[in-house]
Protein backbone atom coordinates (compact mmCIF):
# COMPACT_ATOMS: atom_id res chain seq x y z
CA UNK A 1 -41.94 19.99 -12.57
CA UNK A 2 -40.52 23.12 -10.77
CA UNK A 3 -37.78 25.00 -12.43
CA UNK A 4 -34.83 26.17 -10.21
CA UNK A 5 -33.40 29.50 -10.34
CA UNK A 6 -29.59 29.92 -9.80
CA UNK A 7 -29.28 32.96 -7.71
CA UNK A 8 -25.67 33.54 -8.84
CA UNK A 9 -26.62 33.51 -12.40
CA UNK A 10 -29.52 35.85 -11.72
CA UNK A 11 -27.13 38.22 -10.06
CA UNK A 12 -24.55 38.11 -12.81
CA UNK A 13 -27.23 38.80 -15.49
CA UNK A 14 -28.72 41.67 -13.29
CA UNK A 15 -25.13 43.11 -13.17
CA UNK A 16 -24.81 43.08 -16.85
CA UNK A 17 -28.17 44.66 -17.48
CA UNK A 18 -27.24 47.27 -14.80
CA UNK A 19 -24.05 48.10 -16.67
CA UNK A 20 -25.84 48.49 -19.86
CA UNK A 21 -28.42 50.94 -18.03
CA UNK A 22 -25.47 52.83 -16.49
CA UNK A 23 -23.69 53.21 -19.92
CA UNK A 24 -26.90 54.26 -21.62
CA UNK A 25 -27.39 56.88 -18.74
CA UNK A 26 -24.17 58.54 -19.79
CA UNK A 27 -25.13 58.71 -23.48
CA UNK A 28 -28.76 59.90 -23.24
CA UNK A 29 -27.98 63.23 -21.56
CA UNK A 30 -25.51 64.20 -24.26
CA UNK A 31 -28.35 64.08 -26.96
CA UNK A 32 -30.57 66.39 -25.13
CA UNK A 33 -31.07 69.69 -26.88
CA UNK A 34 -28.31 72.13 -26.37
CA UNK A 35 -25.78 69.41 -25.28
CA UNK A 36 -22.83 68.11 -27.12
CA UNK A 37 -24.83 65.63 -29.42
CA UNK A 38 -28.01 67.71 -29.25
CA UNK A 39 -27.12 70.64 -31.33
CA UNK A 40 -27.75 70.93 -34.94
CA UNK A 41 -24.66 71.21 -37.07
CA UNK A 42 -24.23 74.22 -39.37
CA UNK A 43 -25.03 72.72 -42.79
CA UNK A 44 -24.64 76.07 -44.61
CA UNK A 45 -26.85 77.62 -47.19
CA UNK A 46 -26.52 75.23 -50.22
CA UNK A 47 -29.48 73.41 -51.70
CA UNK A 48 -28.15 70.13 -50.13
CA UNK A 49 -28.19 71.72 -46.80
CA UNK A 50 -31.86 71.54 -46.42
CA UNK A 51 -31.92 67.82 -47.08
CA UNK A 52 -28.86 67.29 -44.84
CA UNK A 53 -30.63 69.25 -42.02
CA UNK A 54 -33.81 67.14 -42.51
CA UNK A 55 -31.88 63.89 -42.59
CA UNK A 56 -29.84 64.88 -39.49
CA UNK A 57 -33.11 65.83 -37.66
CA UNK A 58 -34.69 62.60 -38.52
CA UNK A 59 -31.63 60.61 -37.45
CA UNK A 60 -31.42 62.46 -34.16
CA UNK A 61 -35.14 61.90 -33.29
CA UNK A 62 -34.96 58.21 -34.23
CA UNK A 63 -31.83 57.68 -32.26
CA UNK A 64 -33.43 59.59 -29.26
CA UNK A 65 -36.48 57.40 -29.33
CA UNK A 66 -34.51 54.18 -29.79
CA UNK A 67 -32.30 54.99 -26.98
CA UNK A 68 -35.43 55.83 -24.76
CA UNK A 69 -37.09 52.60 -25.71
CA UNK A 70 -33.88 50.73 -25.07
CA UNK A 71 -33.68 52.29 -21.61
CA UNK A 72 -37.37 51.41 -20.80
CA UNK A 73 -36.64 47.78 -21.97
CA UNK A 74 -33.55 47.44 -19.73
CA UNK A 75 -35.39 48.89 -16.85
CA UNK A 76 -38.08 46.42 -17.48
CA UNK A 77 -35.71 43.65 -17.35
CA UNK A 78 -34.32 44.86 -14.13
CA UNK A 79 -37.73 44.88 -12.61
CA UNK A 80 -38.48 41.36 -13.78
CA UNK A 81 -35.05 40.06 -12.52
CA UNK A 82 -35.78 41.46 -9.30
CA UNK A 83 -39.14 40.04 -9.11
CA UNK A 84 -37.88 36.72 -10.10
CA UNK A 85 -35.31 36.86 -7.30
CA UNK A 86 -37.90 37.73 -4.89
CA UNK A 87 -40.26 35.03 -5.91
CA UNK A 88 -37.34 32.34 -5.89
CA UNK A 89 -36.48 33.52 -2.28
CA UNK A 90 -40.16 33.13 -1.09
CA UNK A 91 -40.40 29.79 -2.84
CA UNK A 92 -37.41 28.55 -1.18
CA UNK A 93 -38.57 29.69 2.22
CA UNK A 94 -41.81 28.00 1.70
CA UNK A 95 -40.27 24.84 0.58
CA UNK A 96 -37.97 24.86 3.69
CA UNK A 97 -40.91 25.50 6.00
CA UNK A 98 -42.91 22.57 4.37
CA UNK A 99 -39.87 20.27 4.82
CA UNK A 100 -39.62 21.18 8.46
CA UNK A 101 -43.35 20.59 9.07
CA UNK A 102 -43.09 17.18 7.30
CA UNK A 103 -40.06 16.38 9.21
CA UNK A 104 -41.98 17.30 12.63
CA UNK A 105 -44.94 15.25 11.55
CA UNK A 106 -42.67 12.10 10.87
CA UNK A 107 -40.79 12.54 14.02
CA UNK A 108 -43.90 13.16 16.00
CA UNK A 109 -42.71 16.35 17.50
């Protein structure tokens, strides 16, 4: 049994994923070294400063990696949605062609 793909639902979902990608693309540059969220805060010279600095660096690195992974996942989703839409269009065109051929054979044309 064939599964039908609703092109409107596919477009709506694609728009949602694209919005998330666009939003992520506004956040990621701010985390690059030297940018607003990419600078190490001044923790001072107290003993706890070393721990705070290490924790911050770990947090920043983890956040950066997670955002990059999320971006790759969303990009992969967009590619899959595009491929699905293309396959659905190809299948619809093939089905229409087969129906026309069948109709021609029935009518003897």
